[in-house]
Amino acid sequence: MPTKPTKVMLNIRLNSKRGLEFVNFGGIRLIGRSNKRDTEIRAKQEAESKKLGRDHFRGKRIDATGVKRGDSGIPIFSWTPEGRQHISTRKVREDIETKLGYRIMDAHLMKKEGDKMYFLRVTFNGSTNGDFQPSDEFNLLLANALDRPYGHLHAFRNPDGSVTINSAHALEKKEEEKVLRIHADGSVRCE
C-alpha cells in the first residue's frame, strides 16, 4: 500500500526558450551540472542501489546526452524506457497542495553539460520552513508547463521516502489524454 511521500520532486524537461523564461521572469536560479558532478551523483545512486540489493540499471534508460541512467528508486508505473506516454500533468500541483497539503519549498532550473535543454525541478513538502515564495510570474509559467501532456513520464518512490516525477517531451493537447493524479494516501496514478 502506498504511503504519503516525505516530499514530491517534480522534474519537467524544458526547451531553451521555456527554461530561460523561468530564470528571466519567474525569478528562479539556474544550476549548471558538470559531467564530473553528474558522474558523482550517478555513483552515489549506484552505491545506494547496491546497498538495497537492487540492480541499478534494471530500467535500461538512457538520457538525452546518451548517458546510461540508473535509479535507486522503485518505478511507480514501469521500467519501460518510454515510461507512461501522453500523460497530462495539469492536476499535479493542485493534487500535491490540496490532497497532500504540501507547498513549494524550492524551485530551480538545472542544465547538464552537453545538453541543450533544461530541467525545472519543483520540490513540494509539508514543512512550514523555507523562504521560497513563488512569484505570480513563476506560478503562471509553471501552470503553462503543467497544462500539457508529455510524451514520456516516469515516477519513482525513492529510498528516502520521496517521490520523483519526471516528464519530458511536451506534446500538443489531445482529448483522450490521461491525467496524472496524486491522492491523499500517497498513490500516484494515470486516470
Protein backbone atom coordinates (compact mmCIF):
# COMPACT_ATOMS: atom_id res chain seq x y z
CA MET A 1 0.00 0.00 0.00
CA PRO A 2 1.37 3.44 -0.89
CA THR A 3 2.43 5.80 1.84
CA LYS A 4 2.40 9.58 1.85
CA PRO A 5 5.74 10.72 0.42
CA THR A 6 8.12 12.79 2.52
CA LYS A 7 8.33 15.20 -0.41
CA VAL A 8 7.48 15.31 -4.10
CA MET A 9 10.06 16.39 -6.66
CA LEU A 10 8.55 17.34 -9.98
CA ASN A 11 11.05 17.48 -12.87
CA ILE A 12 9.93 18.94 -16.19
CA ARG A 13 12.19 18.93 -19.23
CA LEU A 14 12.05 22.33 -20.96
CA ASN A 15 13.49 23.70 -24.17
CA SER A 16 15.88 26.67 -24.01
CA LYS A 17 13.20 29.31 -24.56
CA ARG A 18 10.91 28.00 -21.82
CA GLY A 19 13.81 27.37 -19.47
CA LEU A 20 15.12 30.90 -19.76
CA GLU A 21 11.62 32.28 -19.16
CA PHE A 22 11.75 30.77 -15.67
CA VAL A 23 15.09 32.45 -14.97
CA ASN A 24 14.22 35.82 -16.53
CA PHE A 25 10.59 36.19 -15.49
CA GLY A 26 9.95 33.53 -12.85
CA GLY A 27 12.91 34.59 -10.73
CA ILE A 28 14.43 31.16 -10.05
CA ARG A 29 18.06 30.18 -10.07
CA LEU A 30 19.88 28.20 -12.73
CA ILE A 31 22.24 25.44 -11.64
CA GLY A 32 24.76 24.05 -14.07
CA ARG A 33 25.72 20.40 -13.66
CA SER A 34 29.14 19.43 -14.93
CA ASN A 35 29.83 15.97 -16.26
CA LYS A 36 32.04 15.39 -13.20
CA ARG A 37 29.19 16.27 -10.81
CA ASP A 38 26.74 14.15 -12.80
CA THR A 39 29.15 11.19 -12.53
CA GLU A 40 29.39 11.73 -8.75
CA ILE A 41 25.60 11.76 -8.40
CA ARG A 42 25.24 8.60 -10.51
CA ALA A 43 27.92 6.83 -8.42
CA LYS A 44 26.09 7.75 -5.21
CA GLN A 45 22.81 6.41 -6.61
CA GLU A 46 24.50 3.21 -7.76
CA ALA A 47 26.01 2.65 -4.29
CA GLU A 48 22.57 3.21 -2.78
CA SER A 49 21.07 0.65 -5.17
CA LYS A 50 23.72 -1.94 -4.27
CA LYS A 51 23.12 -1.33 -0.55
CA LEU A 52 19.42 -2.04 -1.15
CA GLY A 53 20.21 -5.14 -3.23
CA ARG A 54 18.83 -3.64 -6.44
CA ASP A 55 20.18 -3.79 -9.98
CA HIS A 56 20.89 -0.12 -10.58
CA PHE A 57 20.50 -0.31 -14.35
CA ARG A 58 17.41 -2.52 -14.43
CA GLY A 59 15.46 0.19 -16.25
CA LYS A 60 17.85 0.42 -19.21
CA ARG A 61 17.21 4.15 -19.54
CA ILE A 62 19.49 6.50 -21.48
CA ASP A 63 19.27 10.27 -21.04
CA ALA A 64 19.30 12.90 -23.79
CA THR A 65 23.09 13.20 -23.59
CA GLY A 66 23.50 9.47 -24.24
CA VAL A 67 24.41 8.56 -20.66
CA LYS A 68 23.06 5.29 -19.27
CA ARG A 69 20.85 6.27 -16.31
CA GLY A 70 20.31 4.01 -13.36
CA ASP A 71 17.94 4.56 -10.49
CA SER A 72 17.86 3.52 -6.86
CA GLY A 73 14.11 4.09 -6.57
CA ILE A 74 11.21 1.82 -7.40
CA PRO A 75 9.21 2.75 -10.52
CA ILE A 76 5.58 3.62 -9.89
CA PHE A 77 4.46 2.71 -13.41
CA SER A 78 7.01 0.54 -15.20
CA TRP A 79 10.64 0.24 -16.20
CA THR A 80 9.99 0.76 -19.89
CA PRO A 81 12.40 3.39 -21.22
CA GLU A 82 9.45 5.32 -22.64
CA GLY A 83 7.61 5.45 -19.32
CA ARG A 84 3.94 6.33 -19.49
CA GLN A 85 3.11 8.17 -22.68
CA HIS A 86 0.73 11.02 -23.48
CA ILE A 87 0.07 11.87 -19.83
CA SER A 88 -1.15 15.30 -18.79
CA THR A 89 0.33 16.88 -15.66
CA ARG A 90 -2.28 19.63 -15.37
CA LYS A 91 -3.63 18.41 -11.99
CA VAL A 92 -0.31 17.59 -10.30
CA ARG A 93 0.26 20.85 -8.41
CA GLU A 94 -3.38 21.02 -7.31
CA ASP A 95 -3.25 17.43 -6.02
CA ILE A 96 0.03 17.95 -4.17
CA GLU A 97 -1.22 21.10 -2.50
CA THR A 98 -4.78 20.04 -1.69
CA LYS A 99 -4.59 16.28 -1.18
CA LEU A 100 -1.13 16.04 0.39
CA GLY A 101 -1.19 19.50 1.99
CA TYR A 102 2.28 20.33 0.65
CA ARG A 103 3.62 23.58 -0.70
CA ILE A 104 6.51 24.55 -2.95
CA MET A 105 9.68 24.65 -0.89
CA ASP A 106 12.15 25.12 -3.74
CA ALA A 107 12.29 25.59 -7.47
CA HIS A 108 15.29 25.82 -9.76
CA LEU A 109 16.45 25.03 -13.26
CA MET A 110 19.23 22.56 -13.91
CA LYS A 111 21.21 22.30 -17.12
CA LYS A 112 23.61 19.42 -17.65
CA GLU A 113 26.83 19.87 -19.55
CA GLY A 114 26.31 18.80 -23.16
CA ASP A 115 22.50 19.07 -23.00
CA LYS A 116 20.62 21.77 -24.92
CA MET A 117 17.58 21.56 -22.69
CA TYR A 118 16.81 22.33 -19.06
CA PHE A 119 15.12 20.53 -16.20
CA LEU A 120 12.81 22.51 -13.98
CA ARG A 121 12.73 20.95 -10.51
CA VAL A 122 9.91 21.98 -8.20
CA THR A 123 10.09 20.45 -4.72
CA PHE A 124 6.99 20.22 -2.53
CA ASN A 125 6.78 19.13 1.11
CA GLY A 126 4.76 19.71 4.25
CA SER A 127 7.33 21.86 6.04
CA THR A 128 6.44 25.39 7.05
CA ASN A 129 10.13 26.31 6.94
CA GLY A 130 11.68 27.67 3.78
CA ASP A 131 11.86 31.01 2.12
CA PHE A 132 10.76 30.22 -1.44
CA GLN A 133 7.86 32.43 -2.36
CA PRO A 134 6.59 31.74 -5.89
CA SER A 135 6.00 34.96 -7.79
CA ASP A 136 2.88 35.47 -9.89
CA GLU A 137 5.08 35.13 -12.98
CA PHE A 138 6.52 31.83 -11.71
CA ASN A 139 3.02 30.49 -10.97
CA LEU A 140 1.87 31.42 -14.48
CA LEU A 141 4.91 29.81 -16.13
CA LEU A 142 4.51 26.66 -14.02
CA ALA A 143 0.80 26.43 -14.84
CA ASN A 144 1.68 26.68 -18.54
CA ALA A 145 4.35 23.96 -18.23
CA LEU A 146 1.95 21.65 -16.38
CA ASP A 147 -1.07 22.26 -18.62
CA ARG A 148 0.08 19.91 -21.33
CA PRO A 149 0.60 16.22 -21.97
CA TYR A 150 4.09 14.77 -22.07
CA GLY A 151 5.40 12.08 -24.36
CA HIS A 152 7.36 10.38 -21.57
CA LEU A 153 6.60 10.30 -17.87
CA HIS A 154 8.47 8.33 -15.22
CA ALA A 155 7.72 8.30 -11.49
CA PHE A 156 9.74 6.71 -8.69
CA ARG A 157 9.42 6.01 -4.99
CA ASN A 158 12.89 6.78 -3.66
CA PRO A 159 14.69 5.11 -0.76
CA ASP A 160 14.37 8.32 1.34
CA GLY A 161 10.55 8.18 1.15
CA SER A 162 10.22 10.88 -1.51
CA VAL A 163 8.53 10.61 -4.89
CA THR A 164 10.12 11.88 -8.10
CA ILE A 165 8.02 12.61 -11.19
CA ASN A 166 9.93 13.18 -14.44
CA SER A 167 8.13 14.47 -17.51
CA ALA A 168 9.71 15.09 -20.89
CA HIS A 169 8.80 15.87 -24.49
CA ALA A 170 5.85 18.25 -24.27
CA LEU A 171 3.06 17.44 -26.71
CA GLU A 172 0.02 19.20 -28.05
CA LYS A 173 -3.16 18.61 -26.05
CA LYS A 174 -5.43 15.74 -27.04
CA GLU A 175 -8.96 14.95 -25.96
CA GLU A 176 -8.17 11.37 -24.90
CA GLU A 177 -5.12 12.07 -22.74
CA LYS A 178 -4.82 10.53 -19.30
CA VAL A 179 -4.10 12.77 -16.35
CA LEU A 180 -1.51 12.14 -13.65
CA ARG A 181 -3.19 12.25 -10.24
CA ILE A 182 -1.77 12.08 -6.72
CA HIS A 183 -4.07 11.01 -3.91
CA ALA A 184 -4.07 11.67 -0.16
CA ASP A 185 -2.88 8.12 0.55
CA GLY A 186 0.26 8.76 -1.48
CA SER A 187 -0.80 6.78 -4.54
CA VAL A 188 0.16 8.11 -7.96
CA ARG A 189 -1.96 7.07 -10.94
CA CYS A 190 -2.75 7.99 -14.52
CA GLU A 191 -6.52 8.31 -14.80
